[in-house]
Amino acid sequence: MPFSEQMADTMRADLGVEPGLSERKMFGGLCFLLYGNMVCGVMKEGAMYRPGKAREAEALAAGAAPLSFTGRPMGGMVELDTGTFENDTLRAKLTELSLANAASLPPKEGR
């Protein structure tokens, strides 16, 4: 299995019922989108969040790590390993930052 269904269920619960939310398999994992803009997702080794570049420093200060699929950090994206993902307070903060980021972006066409 490329990602943990249990982690995906936890992330679904964290996101709650939000108009415009959808799911899509991407990056070998499962991503959650708001009107077509990525909010967060689960992957084989943990979770990723997209707080955006303006909120990235706040996410890192809260305890997240820079996301780096290729060995280089991806601006505006952070990650949690499976152990850190268990921190409810940290997940709530990253979810809040990431939803705010996605809500600030224009909806993608056809979504």
PDB file of N, CA and C in Angstrom:
ATOM      1  N   MET A   1       0.848  -1.174   0.000  1.00  0.00           N
ATOM      2  CA  MET A   1       0.000   0.000   0.000  1.00  0.00           C
ATOM      3  C   MET A   1       0.899   1.246   0.000  1.00  0.00           C
ATOM      4  N   PRO A   2       0.671   2.194  -0.894  1.00  0.00           N
ATOM      5  CA  PRO A   2       1.549   3.346  -0.992  1.00  0.00           C
ATOM      6  C   PRO A   2       1.387   4.347   0.149  1.00  0.00           C
ATOM      7  N   PHE A   3       0.246   4.351   0.855  1.00  0.00           N
ATOM      8  CA  PHE A   3       0.034   5.270   1.963  1.00  0.00           C
ATOM      9  C   PHE A   3      -0.882   4.610   2.984  1.00  0.00           C
ATOM     10  N   SER A   4      -0.909   5.171   4.177  1.00  0.00           N
ATOM     11  CA  SER A   4      -1.701   4.619   5.264  1.00  0.00           C
ATOM     12  C   SER A   4      -3.155   5.114   5.182  1.00  0.00           C
ATOM     13  N   GLU A   5      -4.079   4.175   5.069  1.00  0.00           N
ATOM     14  CA  GLU A   5      -5.504   4.542   5.065  1.00  0.00           C
ATOM     15  C   GLU A   5      -5.898   5.126   6.421  1.00  0.00           C
ATOM     16  N   GLN A   6      -5.260   4.661   7.491  1.00  0.00           N
ATOM     17  CA  GLN A   6      -5.551   5.198   8.819  1.00  0.00           C
ATOM     18  C   GLN A   6      -5.161   6.677   8.891  1.00  0.00           C
ATOM     19  N   MET A   7      -3.999   7.017   8.325  1.00  0.00           N
ATOM     20  CA  MET A   7      -3.587   8.419   8.299  1.00  0.00           C
ATOM     21  C   MET A   7      -4.536   9.236   7.427  1.00  0.00           C
ATOM     22  N   ALA A   8      -4.975   8.669   6.313  1.00  0.00           N
ATOM     23  CA  ALA A   8      -5.924   9.365   5.446  1.00  0.00           C
ATOM     24  C   ALA A   8      -7.233   9.627   6.189  1.00  0.00           C
ATOM     25  N   ASP A   9      -7.702   8.652   6.963  1.00  0.00           N
ATOM     26  CA  ASP A   9      -8.928   8.842   7.745  1.00  0.00           C
ATOM     27  C   ASP A   9      -8.748   9.923   8.803  1.00  0.00           C
ATOM     28  N   THR A  10      -7.582   9.953   9.430  1.00  0.00           N
ATOM     29  CA  THR A  10      -7.289  10.999  10.416  1.00  0.00           C
ATOM     30  C   THR A  10      -7.308  12.366   9.752  1.00  0.00           C
ATOM     31  N   MET A  11      -6.713  12.458   8.568  1.00  0.00           N
ATOM     32  CA  MET A  11      -6.681  13.725   7.856  1.00  0.00           C
ATOM     33  C   MET A  11      -8.096  14.148   7.438  1.00  0.00           C
ATOM     34  N   ARG A  12      -8.913  13.185   7.005  1.00  0.00           N
ATOM     35  CA  ARG A  12     -10.307  13.493   6.667  1.00  0.00           C
ATOM     36  C   ARG A  12     -11.035  14.085   7.876  1.00  0.00           C
ATOM     37  N   ALA A  13     -10.817  13.481   9.039  1.00  0.00           N
ATOM     38  CA  ALA A  13     -11.446  13.977  10.266  1.00  0.00           C
ATOM     39  C   ALA A  13     -10.933  15.381  10.608  1.00  0.00           C
ATOM     40  N   ASP A  14      -9.628  15.612  10.419  1.00  0.00           N
ATOM     41  CA  ASP A  14      -9.058  16.937  10.685  1.00  0.00           C
ATOM     42  C   ASP A  14      -9.667  18.000   9.775  1.00  0.00           C
ATOM     43  N   LEU A  15      -9.894  17.650   8.513  1.00  0.00           N
ATOM     44  CA  LEU A  15     -10.434  18.606   7.545  1.00  0.00           C
ATOM     45  C   LEU A  15     -11.910  18.876   7.779  1.00  0.00           C
ATOM     46  N   GLY A  16     -12.629  17.878   8.272  1.00  0.00           N
ATOM     47  CA  GLY A  16     -14.058  18.045   8.496  1.00  0.00           C
ATOM     48  C   GLY A  16     -14.818  18.126   7.188  1.00  0.00           C
ATOM     49  N   VAL A  17     -16.018  18.659   7.272  1.00  0.00           N
ATOM     50  CA  VAL A  17     -16.870  18.812   6.093  1.00  0.00           C
ATOM     51  C   VAL A  17     -16.725  20.246   5.613  1.00  0.00           C
ATOM     52  N   GLU A  18     -16.057  20.414   4.527  1.00  0.00           N
ATOM     53  CA  GLU A  18     -15.773  21.729   3.967  1.00  0.00           C
ATOM     54  C   GLU A  18     -16.282  21.738   2.533  1.00  0.00           C
ATOM     55  N   PRO A  19     -17.157  22.689   2.183  1.00  0.00           N
ATOM     56  CA  PRO A  19     -17.586  22.755   0.780  1.00  0.00           C
ATOM     57  C   PRO A  19     -16.370  22.902  -0.138  1.00  0.00           C
ATOM     58  N   GLY A  20     -16.373  22.189  -1.240  1.00  0.00           N
ATOM     59  CA  GLY A  20     -15.285  22.285  -2.209  1.00  0.00           C
ATOM     60  C   GLY A  20     -14.143  21.320  -1.981  1.00  0.00           C
ATOM     61  N   LEU A  21     -14.201  20.504  -0.918  1.00  0.00           N
ATOM     62  CA  LEU A  21     -13.129  19.536  -0.666  1.00  0.00           C
ATOM     63  C   LEU A  21     -13.272  18.332  -1.576  1.00  0.00           C
ATOM     64  N   SER A  22     -12.155  17.840  -2.055  1.00  0.00           N
ATOM     65  CA  SER A  22     -12.137  16.621  -2.856  1.00  0.00           C
ATOM     66  C   SER A  22     -10.833  15.883  -2.574  1.00  0.00           C
ATOM     67  N   GLU A  23     -10.763  14.657  -3.061  1.00  0.00           N
ATOM     68  CA  GLU A  23      -9.577  13.820  -2.897  1.00  0.00           C
ATOM     69  C   GLU A  23      -9.090  13.377  -4.266  1.00  0.00           C
ATOM     70  N   ARG A  24      -7.770  13.233  -4.385  1.00  0.00           N
ATOM     71  CA  ARG A  24      -7.190  12.751  -5.633  1.00  0.00           C
ATOM     72  C   ARG A  24      -5.895  12.013  -5.324  1.00  0.00           C
ATOM     73  N   LYS A  25      -5.720  10.873  -5.951  1.00  0.00           N
ATOM     74  CA  LYS A  25      -4.457  10.146  -5.800  1.00  0.00           C
ATOM     75  C   LYS A  25      -3.398  10.879  -6.607  1.00  0.00           C
ATOM     76  N   MET A  26      -2.333  11.274  -5.914  1.00  0.00           N
ATOM     77  CA  MET A  26      -1.232  12.020  -6.529  1.00  0.00           C
ATOM     78  C   MET A  26       0.055  11.687  -5.787  1.00  0.00           C
ATOM     79  N   PHE A  27       1.181  11.796  -6.446  1.00  0.00           N
ATOM     80  CA  PHE A  27       2.498  11.643  -5.823  1.00  0.00           C
ATOM     81  C   PHE A  27       2.649  10.302  -5.105  1.00  0.00           C
ATOM     82  N   GLY A  28       1.940   9.277  -5.546  1.00  0.00           N
ATOM     83  CA  GLY A  28       1.994   7.988  -4.881  1.00  0.00           C
ATOM     84  C   GLY A  28       1.245   7.953  -3.569  1.00  0.00           C
ATOM     85  N   GLY A  29       0.446   8.972  -3.323  1.00  0.00           N
ATOM     86  CA  GLY A  29      -0.325   9.058  -2.086  1.00  0.00           C
ATOM     87  C   GLY A  29      -1.723   9.566  -2.381  1.00  0.00           C
ATOM     88  N   LEU A  30      -2.314  10.216  -1.412  1.00  0.00           N
ATOM     89  CA  LEU A  30      -3.659  10.757  -1.537  1.00  0.00           C
ATOM     90  C   LEU A  30      -3.625  12.215  -1.131  1.00  0.00           C
ATOM     91  N   CYS A  31      -4.087  13.099  -2.020  1.00  0.00           N
ATOM     92  CA  CYS A  31      -4.112  14.529  -1.738  1.00  0.00           C
ATOM     93  C   CYS A  31      -5.539  14.997  -1.519  1.00  0.00           C
ATOM     94  N   PHE A  32      -5.670  15.975  -0.652  1.00  0.00           N
ATOM     95  CA  PHE A  32      -6.944  16.622  -0.382  1.00  0.00           C
ATOM     96  C   PHE A  32      -6.868  18.021  -0.966  1.00  0.00           C
ATOM     97  N   LEU A  33      -7.900  18.378  -1.730  1.00  0.00           N
ATOM     98  CA  LEU A  33      -7.915  19.649  -2.436  1.00  0.00           C
ATOM     99  C   LEU A  33      -9.140  20.465  -2.050  1.00  0.00           C
ATOM    100  N   LEU A  34      -9.002  21.782  -2.097  1.00  0.00           N
ATOM    101  CA  LEU A  34     -10.111  22.702  -1.890  1.00  0.00           C
ATOM    102  C   LEU A  34     -10.298  23.465  -3.194  1.00  0.00           C
ATOM    103  N   TYR A  35     -11.406  23.205  -3.856  1.00  0.00           N
ATOM    104  CA  TYR A  35     -11.682  23.782  -5.179  1.00  0.00           C
ATOM    105  C   TYR A  35     -10.497  23.596  -6.122  1.00  0.00           C
ATOM    106  N   GLY A  36      -9.887  22.419  -6.063  1.00  0.00           N
ATOM    107  CA  GLY A  36      -8.809  22.064  -6.977  1.00  0.00           C
ATOM    108  C   GLY A  36      -7.419  22.460  -6.522  1.00  0.00           C
ATOM    109  N   ASN A  37      -7.299  23.184  -5.412  1.00  0.00           N
ATOM    110  CA  ASN A  37      -5.998  23.596  -4.887  1.00  0.00           C
ATOM    111  C   ASN A  37      -5.600  22.684  -3.731  1.00  0.00           C
ATOM    112  N   MET A  38      -4.385  22.165  -3.790  1.00  0.00           N
ATOM    113  CA  MET A  38      -3.934  21.224  -2.771  1.00  0.00           C
ATOM    114  C   MET A  38      -3.903  21.856  -1.388  1.00  0.00           C
ATOM    115  N   VAL A  39      -4.433  21.120  -0.420  1.00  0.00           N
ATOM    116  CA  VAL A  39      -4.403  21.518   0.983  1.00  0.00           C
ATOM    117  C   VAL A  39      -3.365  20.675   1.715  1.00  0.00           C
ATOM    118  N   CYS A  40      -3.492  19.355   1.608  1.00  0.00           N
ATOM    119  CA  CYS A  40      -2.626  18.442   2.332  1.00  0.00           C
ATOM    120  C   CYS A  40      -2.746  17.054   1.718  1.00  0.00           C
ATOM    121  N   GLY A  41      -1.993  16.117   2.241  1.00  0.00           N
ATOM    122  CA  GLY A  41      -2.079  14.768   1.719  1.00  0.00           C
ATOM    123  C   GLY A  41      -1.262  13.787   2.541  1.00  0.00           C
ATOM    124  N   VAL A  42      -1.505  12.518   2.277  1.00  0.00           N
ATOM    125  CA  VAL A  42      -0.739  11.460   2.935  1.00  0.00           C
ATOM    126  C   VAL A  42       0.117  10.770   1.882  1.00  0.00           C
ATOM    127  N   MET A  43       1.289  10.345   2.313  1.00  0.00           N
ATOM    128  CA  MET A  43       2.208   9.661   1.417  1.00  0.00           C
ATOM    129  C   MET A  43       2.794   8.487   2.180  1.00  0.00           C
ATOM    130  N   LYS A  44       3.622   7.728   1.545  1.00  0.00           N
ATOM    131  CA  LYS A  44       4.148   6.496   2.131  1.00  0.00           C
ATOM    132  C   LYS A  44       4.800   6.726   3.491  1.00  0.00           C
ATOM    133  N   GLU A  45       5.569   7.745   3.632  1.00  0.00           N
ATOM    134  CA  GLU A  45       6.354   7.960   4.855  1.00  0.00           C
ATOM    135  C   GLU A  45       5.795   9.040   5.765  1.00  0.00           C
ATOM    136  N   GLY A  46       4.561   9.508   5.557  1.00  0.00           N
ATOM    137  CA  GLY A  46       4.029  10.549   6.431  1.00  0.00           C
ATOM    138  C   GLY A  46       2.962  11.373   5.744  1.00  0.00           C
ATOM    139  N   ALA A  47       2.982  12.655   6.054  1.00  0.00           N
ATOM    140  CA  ALA A  47       1.960  13.566   5.535  1.00  0.00           C
ATOM    141  C   ALA A  47       2.614  14.847   5.028  1.00  0.00           C
ATOM    142  N   MET A  48       1.931  15.492   4.095  1.00  0.00           N
ATOM    143  CA  MET A  48       2.419  16.771   3.579  1.00  0.00           C
ATOM    144  C   MET A  48       1.296  17.796   3.698  1.00  0.00           C
ATOM    145  N   TYR A  49       1.687  19.038   3.888  1.00  0.00           N
ATOM    146  CA  TYR A  49       0.752  20.154   4.009  1.00  0.00           C
ATOM    147  C   TYR A  49       1.255  21.297   3.137  1.00  0.00           C
ATOM    148  N   ARG A  50       0.311  22.104   2.669  1.00  0.00           N
ATOM    149  CA  ARG A  50       0.673  23.237   1.816  1.00  0.00           C
ATOM    150  C   ARG A  50       0.200  24.541   2.465  1.00  0.00           C
ATOM    151  N   PRO A  51       0.978  25.041   3.440  1.00  0.00           N
ATOM    152  CA  PRO A  51       0.592  26.300   4.066  1.00  0.00           C
ATOM    153  C   PRO A  51       0.872  27.514   3.183  1.00  0.00           C
ATOM    154  N   GLY A  52       1.624  27.317   2.119  1.00  0.00           N
ATOM    155  CA  GLY A  52       1.996  28.422   1.233  1.00  0.00           C
ATOM    156  C   GLY A  52       3.260  29.103   1.736  1.00  0.00           C
ATOM    157  N   LYS A  53       3.892  29.836   0.856  1.00  0.00           N
ATOM    158  CA  LYS A  53       5.163  30.482   1.208  1.00  0.00           C
ATOM    159  C   LYS A  53       4.985  31.517   2.316  1.00  0.00           C
ATOM    160  N   ALA A  54       3.856  32.227   2.332  1.00  0.00           N
ATOM    161  CA  ALA A  54       3.640  33.262   3.347  1.00  0.00           C
ATOM    162  C   ALA A  54       3.479  32.673   4.746  1.00  0.00           C
ATOM    163  N   ARG A  55       3.014  31.422   4.853  1.00  0.00           N
ATOM    164  CA  ARG A  55       2.772  30.788   6.152  1.00  0.00           C
ATOM    165  C   ARG A  55       3.769  29.659   6.449  1.00  0.00           C
ATOM    166  N   GLU A  56       4.724  29.464   5.559  1.00  0.00           N
ATOM    167  CA  GLU A  56       5.675  28.359   5.711  1.00  0.00           C
ATOM    168  C   GLU A  56       6.511  28.485   6.980  1.00  0.00           C
ATOM    169  N   ALA A  57       7.014  29.670   7.289  1.00  0.00           N
ATOM    170  CA  ALA A  57       7.841  29.861   8.481  1.00  0.00           C
ATOM    171  C   ALA A  57       7.049  29.528   9.747  1.00  0.00           C
ATOM    172  N   GLU A  58       5.772  29.895   9.770  1.00  0.00           N
ATOM    173  CA  GLU A  58       4.918  29.579  10.917  1.00  0.00           C
ATOM    174  C   GLU A  58       4.743  28.069  11.058  1.00  0.00           C
ATOM    175  N   ALA A  59       4.569  27.379   9.943  1.00  0.00           N
ATOM    176  CA  ALA A  59       4.419  25.918   9.962  1.00  0.00           C
ATOM    177  C   ALA A  59       5.705  25.247  10.437  1.00  0.00           C
ATOM    178  N   LEU A  60       6.843  25.738   9.985  1.00  0.00           N
ATOM    179  CA  LEU A  60       8.127  25.170  10.407  1.00  0.00           C
ATOM    180  C   LEU A  60       8.369  25.429  11.892  1.00  0.00           C
ATOM    181  N   ALA A  61       8.025  26.625  12.365  1.00  0.00           N
ATOM    182  CA  ALA A  61       8.198  26.959  13.778  1.00  0.00           C
ATOM    183  C   ALA A  61       7.295  26.096  14.667  1.00  0.00           C
ATOM    184  N   ALA A  62       6.159  25.672  14.130  1.00  0.00           N
ATOM    185  CA  ALA A  62       5.230  24.833  14.896  1.00  0.00           C
ATOM    186  C   ALA A  62       5.744  23.400  15.045  1.00  0.00           C
ATOM    187  N   GLY A  63       6.683  22.984  14.179  1.00  0.00           N
ATOM    188  CA  GLY A  63       7.253  21.640  14.300  1.00  0.00           C
ATOM    189  C   GLY A  63       7.288  20.814  13.035  1.00  0.00           C
ATOM    190  N   ALA A  64       6.830  21.370  11.932  1.00  0.00           N
ATOM    191  CA  ALA A  64       6.889  20.654  10.655  1.00  0.00           C
ATOM    192  C   ALA A  64       8.304  20.732  10.083  1.00  0.00           C
ATOM    193  N   ALA A  65       8.574  19.906   9.087  1.00  0.00           N
ATOM    194  CA  ALA A  65       9.861  19.921   8.385  1.00  0.00           C
ATOM    195  C   ALA A  65       9.616  20.350   6.939  1.00  0.00           C
ATOM    196  N   PRO A  66      10.617  20.941   6.293  1.00  0.00           N
ATOM    197  CA  PRO A  66      10.447  21.291   4.877  1.00  0.00           C
ATOM    198  C   PRO A  66      10.195  20.029   4.051  1.00  0.00           C
ATOM    199  N   LEU A  67       9.299  20.102   3.092  1.00  0.00           N
ATOM    200  CA  LEU A  67       9.022  18.968   2.210  1.00  0.00           C
ATOM    201  C   LEU A  67      10.080  18.917   1.129  1.00  0.00           C
ATOM    202  N   SER A  68      10.678  17.739   0.943  1.00  0.00           N
ATOM    203  CA  SER A  68      11.702  17.608  -0.094  1.00  0.00           C
ATOM    204  C   SER A  68      11.632  16.224  -0.720  1.00  0.00           C
ATOM    205  N   PHE A  69      10.825  16.093  -1.758  1.00  0.00           N
ATOM    206  CA  PHE A  69      10.740  14.824  -2.492  1.00  0.00           C
ATOM    207  C   PHE A  69      12.062  14.501  -3.174  1.00  0.00           C
ATOM    208  N   THR A  70      12.712  15.531  -3.692  1.00  0.00           N
ATOM    209  CA  THR A  70      13.897  15.319  -4.515  1.00  0.00           C
ATOM    210  C   THR A  70      15.201  15.633  -3.792  1.00  0.00           C
ATOM    211  N   GLY A  71      15.121  15.878  -2.475  1.00  0.00           N
ATOM    212  CA  GLY A  71      16.313  16.264  -1.736  1.00  0.00           C
ATOM    213  C   GLY A  71      16.441  17.766  -1.600  1.00  0.00           C
ATOM    214  N   ARG A  72      15.607  18.505  -2.326  1.00  0.00           N
ATOM    215  CA  ARG A  72      15.582  19.960  -2.215  1.00  0.00           C
ATOM    216  C   ARG A  72      14.225  20.368  -1.636  1.00  0.00           C
ATOM    217  N   PRO A  73      14.219  21.330  -0.707  1.00  0.00           N
ATOM    218  CA  PRO A  73      12.944  21.775  -0.138  1.00  0.00           C
ATOM    219  C   PRO A  73      12.015  22.349  -1.218  1.00  0.00           C
ATOM    220  N   MET A  74      10.735  22.059  -1.080  1.00  0.00           N
ATOM    221  CA  MET A  74       9.715  22.602  -1.985  1.00  0.00           C
ATOM    222  C   MET A  74       9.057  23.771  -1.263  1.00  0.00           C
ATOM    223  N   GLY A  75       9.254  24.979  -1.752  1.00  0.00           N
ATOM    224  CA  GLY A  75       8.730  26.174  -1.110  1.00  0.00           C
ATOM    225  C   GLY A  75       7.224  26.110  -0.883  1.00  0.00           C
ATOM    226  N   GLY A  76       6.808  26.528   0.297  1.00  0.00           N
ATOM    227  CA  GLY A  76       5.387  26.570   0.613  1.00  0.00           C
ATOM    228  C   GLY A  76       4.795  25.244   1.035  1.00  0.00           C
ATOM    229  N   MET A  77       5.628  24.206   1.126  1.00  0.00           N
ATOM    230  CA  MET A  77       5.165  22.860   1.482  1.00  0.00           C
ATOM    231  C   MET A  77       5.983  22.361   2.671  1.00  0.00           C
ATOM    232  N   VAL A  78       5.300  21.655   3.579  1.00  0.00           N
ATOM    233  CA  VAL A  78       5.972  21.068   4.731  1.00  0.00           C
ATOM    234  C   VAL A  78       5.506  19.627   4.900  1.00  0.00           C
ATOM    235  N   GLU A  79       6.222  18.874   5.742  1.00  0.00           N
ATOM    236  CA  GLU A  79       5.844  17.481   5.943  1.00  0.00           C
ATOM    237  C   GLU A  79       5.968  17.086   7.407  1.00  0.00           C
ATOM    238  N   LEU A  80       5.273  16.006   7.737  1.00  0.00           N
ATOM    239  CA  LEU A  80       5.360  15.364   9.042  1.00  0.00           C
ATOM    240  C   LEU A  80       5.682  13.899   8.805  1.00  0.00           C
ATOM    241  N   ASP A  81       6.597  13.349   9.605  1.00  0.00           N
ATOM    242  CA  ASP A  81       6.817  11.912   9.513  1.00  0.00           C
ATOM    243  C   ASP A  81       5.693  11.216  10.280  1.00  0.00           C
ATOM    244  N   THR A  82       5.664   9.910  10.227  1.00  0.00           N
ATOM    245  CA  THR A  82       4.540   9.182  10.835  1.00  0.00           C
ATOM    246  C   THR A  82       4.451   9.408  12.343  1.00  0.00           C
ATOM    247  N   GLY A  83       5.576   9.585  13.010  1.00  0.00           N
ATOM    248  CA  GLY A  83       5.552   9.845  14.451  1.00  0.00           C
ATOM    249  C   GLY A  83       5.025  11.225  14.783  1.00  0.00           C
ATOM    250  N   THR A  84       5.515  12.231  14.090  1.00  0.00           N
ATOM    251  CA  THR A  84       5.082  13.604  14.323  1.00  0.00           C
ATOM    252  C   THR A  84       3.614  13.792  13.935  1.00  0.00           C
ATOM    253  N   PHE A  85       3.142  12.996  12.994  1.00  0.00           N
ATOM    254  CA  PHE A  85       1.737  13.074  12.558  1.00  0.00           C
ATOM    255  C   PHE A  85       0.783  12.795  13.714  1.00  0.00           C
ATOM    256  N   GLU A  86       1.239  12.079  14.740  1.00  0.00           N
ATOM    257  CA  GLU A  86       0.387  11.747  15.886  1.00  0.00           C
ATOM    258  C   GLU A  86       0.101  12.952  16.776  1.00  0.00           C
ATOM    259  N   ASN A  87       0.800  14.067  16.574  1.00  0.00           N
ATOM    260  CA  ASN A  87       0.608  15.271  17.382  1.00  0.00           C
ATOM    261  C   ASN A  87      -0.644  16.016  16.901  1.00  0.00           C
ATOM    262  N   ASP A  88      -1.751  15.866  17.654  1.00  0.00           N
ATOM    263  CA  ASP A  88      -3.035  16.457  17.261  1.00  0.00           C
ATOM    264  C   ASP A  88      -2.967  17.974  17.133  1.00  0.00           C
ATOM    265  N   THR A  89      -2.275  18.631  18.051  1.00  0.00           N
ATOM    266  CA  THR A  89      -2.178  20.094  18.037  1.00  0.00           C
ATOM    267  C   THR A  89      -1.436  20.573  16.799  1.00  0.00           C
ATOM    268  N   LEU A  90      -0.335  19.915  16.473  1.00  0.00           N
ATOM    269  CA  LEU A  90       0.451  20.288  15.288  1.00  0.00           C
ATOM    270  C   LEU A  90      -0.360  20.062  14.017  1.00  0.00           C
ATOM    271  N   ARG A  91      -1.023  18.904  13.919  1.00  0.00           N
ATOM    272  CA  ARG A  91      -1.859  18.640  12.734  1.00  0.00           C
ATOM    273  C   ARG A  91      -2.950  19.696  12.588  1.00  0.00           C
ATOM    274  N   ALA A  92      -3.586  20.074  13.685  1.00  0.00           N
ATOM    275  CA  ALA A  92      -4.649  21.082  13.632  1.00  0.00           C
ATOM    276  C   ALA A  92      -4.106  22.414  13.119  1.00  0.00           C
ATOM    277  N   LYS A  93      -2.930  22.801  13.584  1.00  0.00           N
ATOM    278  CA  LYS A  93      -2.315  24.064  13.142  1.00  0.00           C
ATOM    279  C   LYS A  93      -1.988  24.017  11.654  1.00  0.00           C
ATOM    280  N   LEU A  94      -1.383  22.914  11.213  1.00  0.00           N
ATOM    281  CA  LEU A  94      -1.024  22.801   9.798  1.00  0.00           C
ATOM    282  C   LEU A  94      -2.262  22.734   8.914  1.00  0.00           C
ATOM    283  N   THR A  95      -3.299  22.071   9.381  1.00  0.00           N
ATOM    284  CA  THR A  95      -4.553  22.011   8.625  1.00  0.00           C
ATOM    285  C   THR A  95      -5.144  23.405   8.487  1.00  0.00           C
ATOM    286  N   GLU A  96      -5.153  24.162   9.581  1.00  0.00           N
ATOM    287  CA  GLU A  96      -5.671  25.533   9.561  1.00  0.00           C
ATOM    288  C   GLU A  96      -4.893  26.405   8.575  1.00  0.00           C
ATOM    289  N   LEU A  97      -3.561  26.366   8.651  1.00  0.00           N
ATOM    290  CA  LEU A  97      -2.722  27.164   7.758  1.00  0.00           C
ATOM    291  C   LEU A  97      -2.934  26.765   6.295  1.00  0.00           C
ATOM    292  N   SER A  98      -3.028  25.469   6.053  1.00  0.00           N
ATOM    293  CA  SER A  98      -3.152  24.962   4.685  1.00  0.00           C
ATOM    294  C   SER A  98      -4.530  25.257   4.091  1.00  0.00           C
ATOM    295  N   LEU A  99      -5.581  25.150   4.889  1.00  0.00           N
ATOM    296  CA  LEU A  99      -6.923  25.513   4.404  1.00  0.00           C
ATOM    297  C   LEU A  99      -6.982  27.000   4.080  1.00  0.00           C
ATOM    298  N   ALA A 100      -6.370  27.827   4.935  1.00  0.00           N
ATOM    299  CA  ALA A 100      -6.347  29.275   4.681  1.00  0.00           C
ATOM    300  C   ALA A 100      -5.603  29.577   3.379  1.00  0.00           C
ATOM    301  N   ASN A 101      -4.494  28.878   3.149  1.00  0.00           N
ATOM    302  CA  ASN A 101      -3.745  29.079   1.913  1.00  0.00           C
ATOM    303  C   ASN A 101      -4.586  28.706   0.696  1.00  0.00           C
ATOM    304  N   ALA A 102      -5.190  27.525   0.730  1.00  0.00           N
ATOM    305  CA  ALA A 102      -5.992  27.071  -0.416  1.00  0.00           C
ATOM    306  C   ALA A 102      -7.187  27.985  -0.655  1.00  0.00           C
ATOM    307  N   ALA A 103      -7.802  28.471   0.420  1.00  0.00           N
ATOM    308  CA  ALA A 103      -8.958  29.367   0.287  1.00  0.00           C
ATOM    309  C   ALA A 103      -8.563  30.708  -0.318  1.00  0.00           C
ATOM    310  N   SER A 104      -7.288  31.091  -0.191  1.00  0.00           N
ATOM    311  CA  SER A 104      -6.826  32.368  -0.738  1.00  0.00           C
ATOM    312  C   SER A 104      -6.533  32.296  -2.239  1.00  0.00           C
ATOM    313  N   LEU A 105      -6.523  31.092  -2.793  1.00  0.00           N
ATOM    314  CA  LEU A 105      -6.214  30.894  -4.207  1.00  0.00           C
ATOM    315  C   LEU A 105      -7.493  30.822  -5.029  1.00  0.00           C
ATOM    316  N   PRO A 106      -7.430  31.251  -6.287  1.00  0.00           N
ATOM    317  CA  PRO A 106      -8.627  31.133  -7.125  1.00  0.00           C
ATOM    318  C   PRO A 106      -8.932  29.659  -7.410  1.00  0.00           C
ATOM    319  N   PRO A 107     -10.221  29.301  -7.454  1.00  0.00           N
ATOM    320  CA  PRO A 107     -10.568  27.917  -7.777  1.00  0.00           C
ATOM    321  C   PRO A 107     -10.000  27.527  -9.143  1.00  0.00           C
ATOM    322  N   LYS A 108      -9.591  26.280  -9.267  1.00  0.00           N
ATOM    323  CA  LYS A 108      -9.083  25.793 -10.556  1.00  0.00           C
ATOM    324  C   LYS A 108     -10.269  25.447 -11.450  1.00  0.00           C
ATOM    325  N   GLU A 109     -10.128  25.707 -12.708  1.00  0.00           N
ATOM    326  CA  GLU A 109     -11.177  25.435 -13.687  1.00  0.00           C
ATOM    327  C   GLU A 109     -11.590  23.967 -13.660  1.00  0.00           C
ATOM    328  N   GLY A 110     -12.881  23.722 -13.771  1.00  0.00           N
ATOM    329  CA  GLY A 110     -13.387  22.366 -13.860  1.00  0.00           C
ATOM    330  C   GLY A 110     -13.394  21.622 -12.546  1.00  0.00           C
ATOM    331  N   ARG A 111     -13.212  22.333 -11.446  1.00  0.00           N
ATOM    332  CA  ARG A 111     -13.187  21.657 -10.142  1.00  0.00           C
ATOM    333  C   ARG A 111     -14.412  22.014  -9.354  1.00  0.00           C
TER     334      ARG A 111
END
